[in-house]
Every structure is written in C-alpha cells, then in structure tokens.
N, C-alpha and C. Protein backbone atom coordinates (compact mmCIF):
# COMPACT_ATOMS: atom_id res chain seq x y z
N MET A 1 0.81 -1.19 0.00
CA MET A 1 0.00 0.00 0.00
C MET A 1 0.86 1.26 0.00
N PHE A 2 2.04 1.18 0.61
CA PHE A 2 2.92 2.35 0.68
C PHE A 2 3.31 2.82 -0.72
N PHE A 3 3.75 1.89 -1.59
CA PHE A 3 4.20 2.29 -2.92
C PHE A 3 3.04 2.71 -3.80
N LYS A 4 1.87 2.09 -3.61
CA LYS A 4 0.70 2.50 -4.37
C LYS A 4 0.34 3.94 -4.04
N ASN A 5 0.33 4.29 -2.77
CA ASN A 5 -0.02 5.65 -2.35
C ASN A 5 1.07 6.66 -2.66
N LEU A 6 2.30 6.21 -2.72
CA LEU A 6 3.41 7.13 -2.94
C LEU A 6 3.34 7.78 -4.30
N PHE A 7 2.86 7.03 -5.30
CA PHE A 7 2.86 7.55 -6.66
C PHE A 7 1.55 8.20 -7.08
N MET A 8 0.63 8.33 -6.17
CA MET A 8 -0.61 9.03 -6.47
C MET A 8 -0.42 10.51 -6.16
N ASN A 9 -1.14 11.36 -6.84
CA ASN A 9 -0.93 12.80 -6.71
C ASN A 9 -1.93 13.48 -5.79
N THR A 10 -2.34 12.83 -4.73
CA THR A 10 -3.27 13.46 -3.79
C THR A 10 -2.60 13.59 -2.44
N THR A 11 -3.01 14.60 -1.69
CA THR A 11 -2.45 14.82 -0.37
C THR A 11 -2.79 13.68 0.57
N GLU A 12 -4.00 13.15 0.43
CA GLU A 12 -4.40 12.03 1.29
C GLU A 12 -3.52 10.81 1.05
N ALA A 13 -3.16 10.58 -0.21
CA ALA A 13 -2.32 9.43 -0.52
C ALA A 13 -0.94 9.58 0.11
N VAL A 14 -0.39 10.78 0.06
CA VAL A 14 0.91 11.03 0.67
C VAL A 14 0.81 10.88 2.18
N THR A 15 -0.25 11.42 2.75
CA THR A 15 -0.45 11.32 4.20
C THR A 15 -0.59 9.86 4.61
N ASP A 16 -1.36 9.08 3.84
CA ASP A 16 -1.50 7.66 4.14
C ASP A 16 -0.17 6.93 4.01
N ALA A 17 0.62 7.27 3.00
CA ALA A 17 1.91 6.62 2.81
C ALA A 17 2.84 6.92 3.97
N VAL A 18 2.86 8.19 4.41
CA VAL A 18 3.71 8.56 5.53
C VAL A 18 3.23 7.89 6.81
N THR A 19 1.92 7.79 6.98
CA THR A 19 1.37 7.10 8.15
C THR A 19 1.81 5.65 8.17
N ASP A 20 1.72 4.98 7.03
CA ASP A 20 2.15 3.59 6.96
C ASP A 20 3.63 3.46 7.27
N ALA A 21 4.43 4.37 6.76
CA ALA A 21 5.88 4.30 7.00
C ALA A 21 6.20 4.55 8.47
N ILE A 22 5.54 5.52 9.10
CA ILE A 22 5.79 5.82 10.51
C ILE A 22 5.34 4.66 11.39
N GLU A 23 4.20 4.07 11.05
CA GLU A 23 3.74 2.92 11.82
C GLU A 23 4.69 1.74 11.67
N ALA A 24 5.28 1.59 10.48
CA ALA A 24 6.19 0.47 10.24
C ALA A 24 7.47 0.61 11.06
N ILE A 25 7.96 1.85 11.24
CA ILE A 25 9.20 2.03 11.99
C ILE A 25 8.96 2.43 13.44
N GLY A 26 7.72 2.69 13.80
CA GLY A 26 7.39 3.00 15.19
C GLY A 26 7.70 4.41 15.61
N GLY A 27 7.64 5.36 14.71
CA GLY A 27 7.91 6.75 15.07
C GLY A 27 9.29 7.18 14.62
N ILE A 28 9.57 8.45 14.78
CA ILE A 28 10.87 9.01 14.40
C ILE A 28 11.61 9.40 15.66
N ASP A 29 12.77 8.84 15.89
CA ASP A 29 13.61 9.12 17.06
C ASP A 29 12.88 8.90 18.38
N GLY A 30 11.99 7.92 18.40
CA GLY A 30 11.29 7.60 19.63
C GLY A 30 10.19 8.58 19.99
N GLU A 31 9.94 9.61 19.17
CA GLU A 31 8.91 10.60 19.46
C GLU A 31 7.68 10.31 18.61
N VAL A 32 6.56 10.72 19.14
CA VAL A 32 5.33 10.59 18.37
C VAL A 32 5.27 11.79 17.43
N VAL A 33 5.15 11.52 16.14
CA VAL A 33 5.13 12.58 15.13
C VAL A 33 3.77 12.56 14.46
N THR A 34 3.18 13.73 14.29
CA THR A 34 1.90 13.78 13.60
C THR A 34 2.11 13.47 12.13
N THR A 35 1.12 12.90 11.52
CA THR A 35 1.22 12.48 10.12
C THR A 35 1.40 13.67 9.20
N VAL A 36 0.70 14.75 9.44
CA VAL A 36 0.79 15.93 8.58
C VAL A 36 2.18 16.54 8.66
N ALA A 37 2.74 16.65 9.87
CA ALA A 37 4.09 17.21 10.01
C ALA A 37 5.12 16.34 9.33
N ALA A 38 4.97 15.02 9.43
CA ALA A 38 5.91 14.12 8.77
C ALA A 38 5.78 14.22 7.26
N ALA A 39 4.56 14.34 6.77
CA ALA A 39 4.35 14.45 5.32
C ALA A 39 4.94 15.74 4.79
N GLU A 40 4.76 16.83 5.52
CA GLU A 40 5.30 18.11 5.06
C GLU A 40 6.81 18.11 5.07
N SER A 41 7.43 17.49 6.06
CA SER A 41 8.89 17.48 6.11
C SER A 41 9.50 16.49 5.14
N ALA A 42 8.80 15.41 4.84
CA ALA A 42 9.35 14.38 3.97
C ALA A 42 9.15 14.70 2.50
N PHE A 43 8.07 15.39 2.16
CA PHE A 43 7.75 15.62 0.76
C PHE A 43 7.63 17.10 0.45
N SER A 44 8.66 17.85 0.79
CA SER A 44 8.64 19.28 0.46
C SER A 44 9.71 19.56 -0.59
N PHE A 45 9.46 20.56 -1.41
CA PHE A 45 10.40 20.95 -2.47
C PHE A 45 10.82 22.38 -2.22
N ASN A 46 12.12 22.58 -2.10
CA ASN A 46 12.66 23.91 -1.90
C ASN A 46 13.61 24.20 -3.06
N PRO A 47 13.23 25.10 -3.97
CA PRO A 47 14.07 25.37 -5.13
C PRO A 47 15.48 25.86 -4.77
N ALA A 48 15.62 26.56 -3.66
CA ALA A 48 16.95 27.04 -3.26
C ALA A 48 17.88 25.86 -2.95
N ASN A 49 17.36 24.82 -2.33
CA ASN A 49 18.17 23.64 -2.07
C ASN A 49 18.57 22.95 -3.36
N PHE A 50 17.66 22.92 -4.33
CA PHE A 50 17.97 22.31 -5.62
C PHE A 50 19.12 23.05 -6.30
N VAL A 51 19.07 24.36 -6.30
CA VAL A 51 20.12 25.16 -6.93
C VAL A 51 21.45 24.98 -6.19
N SER A 52 21.41 24.93 -4.87
CA SER A 52 22.66 24.76 -4.12
C SER A 52 23.25 23.37 -4.31
N ASN A 53 22.43 22.38 -4.64
CA ASN A 53 22.93 21.02 -4.86
C ASN A 53 23.42 20.79 -6.28
N LEU A 54 23.24 21.75 -7.17
CA LEU A 54 23.76 21.60 -8.54
C LEU A 54 25.27 21.47 -8.54
N TYR A 55 25.95 22.12 -7.58
CA TYR A 55 27.41 22.00 -7.48
C TYR A 55 27.82 20.54 -7.27
N TYR A 56 27.15 19.87 -6.33
CA TYR A 56 27.49 18.49 -6.02
C TYR A 56 27.15 17.56 -7.19
N MET A 57 26.08 17.86 -7.91
CA MET A 57 25.74 17.08 -9.08
C MET A 57 26.81 17.24 -10.15
N GLY A 58 27.31 18.46 -10.34
CA GLY A 58 28.37 18.70 -11.32
C GLY A 58 29.65 17.99 -10.95
N VAL A 59 30.01 18.01 -9.67
CA VAL A 59 31.23 17.31 -9.23
C VAL A 59 31.08 15.81 -9.45
N GLY A 60 29.90 15.26 -9.17
CA GLY A 60 29.66 13.84 -9.40
C GLY A 60 29.75 13.47 -10.86
N MET A 61 29.18 14.31 -11.72
CA MET A 61 29.25 14.04 -13.16
C MET A 61 30.68 14.15 -13.67
N LEU A 62 31.45 15.10 -13.14
CA LEU A 62 32.86 15.22 -13.52
C LEU A 62 33.64 13.98 -13.09
N ALA A 63 33.36 13.47 -11.90
CA ALA A 63 34.04 12.26 -11.42
C ALA A 63 33.70 11.07 -12.32
N ILE A 64 32.44 10.95 -12.72
CA ILE A 64 32.05 9.86 -13.62
C ILE A 64 32.77 10.00 -14.95
N PHE A 65 32.86 11.22 -15.48
CA PHE A 65 33.57 11.46 -16.73
C PHE A 65 35.03 11.06 -16.62
N ILE A 66 35.67 11.41 -15.51
CA ILE A 66 37.09 11.07 -15.31
C ILE A 66 37.28 9.56 -15.25
N VAL A 67 36.39 8.87 -14.55
CA VAL A 67 36.51 7.41 -14.44
C VAL A 67 36.30 6.75 -15.80
N ILE A 68 35.33 7.21 -16.57
CA ILE A 68 35.09 6.64 -17.90
C ILE A 68 36.28 6.91 -18.81
N ALA A 69 36.85 8.12 -18.74
CA ALA A 69 38.03 8.44 -19.55
C ALA A 69 39.22 7.56 -19.16
N ALA A 70 39.38 7.29 -17.87
CA ALA A 70 40.47 6.41 -17.42
C ALA A 70 40.27 4.99 -17.94
N ILE A 71 39.04 4.50 -17.91
CA ILE A 71 38.76 3.15 -18.42
C ILE A 71 39.04 3.08 -19.92
N ILE A 72 38.61 4.10 -20.66
CA ILE A 72 38.87 4.13 -22.10
C ILE A 72 40.38 4.16 -22.35
N GLY A 73 41.12 4.95 -21.59
CA GLY A 73 42.57 5.01 -21.74
C GLY A 73 43.24 3.68 -21.45
N MET A 74 42.79 2.99 -20.41
CA MET A 74 43.38 1.69 -20.07
C MET A 74 43.08 0.65 -21.14
N VAL A 75 41.87 0.66 -21.70
CA VAL A 75 41.54 -0.29 -22.77
C VAL A 75 42.37 0.00 -24.00
N TYR A 76 42.55 1.27 -24.33
CA TYR A 76 43.38 1.63 -25.48
C TYR A 76 44.84 1.20 -25.26
N ALA A 77 45.38 1.45 -24.06
CA ALA A 77 46.75 1.06 -23.76
C ALA A 77 46.90 -0.46 -23.80
N LEU A 78 45.93 -1.18 -23.30
CA LEU A 78 45.97 -2.64 -23.35
C LEU A 78 45.94 -3.13 -24.78
N ASP A 79 45.14 -2.49 -25.62
CA ASP A 79 45.09 -2.87 -27.04
C ASP A 79 46.44 -2.64 -27.71
N VAL A 80 47.07 -1.52 -27.42
CA VAL A 80 48.39 -1.23 -28.00
C VAL A 80 49.42 -2.24 -27.52
N LEU A 81 49.41 -2.57 -26.22
CA LEU A 81 50.38 -3.53 -25.68
C LEU A 81 50.16 -4.93 -26.24
N VAL A 82 48.93 -5.34 -26.39
CA VAL A 82 48.66 -6.68 -26.93
C VAL A 82 49.11 -6.76 -28.37
N LYS A 83 48.87 -5.72 -29.15
CA LYS A 83 49.31 -5.72 -30.55
C LYS A 83 50.82 -5.70 -30.65
N ALA A 84 51.50 -5.02 -29.74
CA ALA A 84 52.96 -4.90 -29.80
C ALA A 84 53.64 -6.21 -29.41
N PHE A 85 53.08 -6.95 -28.46
CA PHE A 85 53.73 -8.15 -27.97
C PHE A 85 53.09 -9.45 -28.44
N SER A 86 52.15 -9.39 -29.34
CA SER A 86 51.53 -10.61 -29.82
C SER A 86 52.44 -11.29 -30.83
N LEU A 87 52.29 -12.59 -30.94
CA LEU A 87 53.11 -13.35 -31.88
C LEU A 87 52.65 -13.08 -33.30
N LYS A 88 53.60 -12.93 -34.17
CA LYS A 88 53.26 -12.74 -35.57
C LYS A 88 53.16 -14.10 -36.24
N LEU A 89 51.97 -14.57 -36.43
CA LEU A 89 51.76 -15.87 -37.05
C LEU A 89 51.64 -15.70 -38.56
N PRO A 90 52.20 -16.65 -39.29
CA PRO A 90 52.06 -16.54 -40.76
C PRO A 90 50.59 -16.76 -41.19
N LYS A 91 50.23 -16.08 -42.25
CA LYS A 91 48.87 -16.20 -42.74
C LYS A 91 48.67 -17.54 -43.43
N LYS A 92 47.51 -18.14 -43.22
CA LYS A 92 47.20 -19.39 -43.88
C LYS A 92 46.70 -19.09 -45.29
N GLN A 93 47.09 -19.98 -46.21
CA GLN A 93 46.68 -19.75 -47.60
C GLN A 93 45.58 -20.69 -47.99
C-alpha cells in the first residue's frame, strides 16, 4: 500500500503513505510525530536547495567522466600492448 499511495498525486495518498511508514518504523527518534508534520517534512520541495545542490551534481558528473576516460585510456593502452607483444603468425593460404 505504501508504494501504491506514494505515486498518487493526492495529499491524502501522501499522508497515508507517511502514516504507513511511521507505523512500520514505530515513530521518528522515539517521538510521536503527527502524520501531517511528517508528510510536510518528507515531501517538500525547496528550489533554493535544488540550486545549491547543482554543485554536487556537477562534481559527481565530472568524477564519472574522469573514471570513464580512465577506463577508455586503459583499454586503449591494453590494445596497443597486446598488438605490440603478440606473436606474428604466418597467414594461412
């Protein structure tokens, strides 16, 4: 029921989903939390936070690019080394 309600676009569905999640874990930090307060804190969108997190997204994408470039470089170097040290077999006729 949690996943069914999570993807519906109604406030009641979100509130029900948060209620199910809170009941499943028995509250947050041992305190009783109202469902509405939990729903508002769990499913809020703040554009300023999105803009401030663009830096971290860019750094992550740069790291992925560097890793992919390193893998491509290693494959190319391995190809060059295999071609340089492979046995030259005569061609069959």
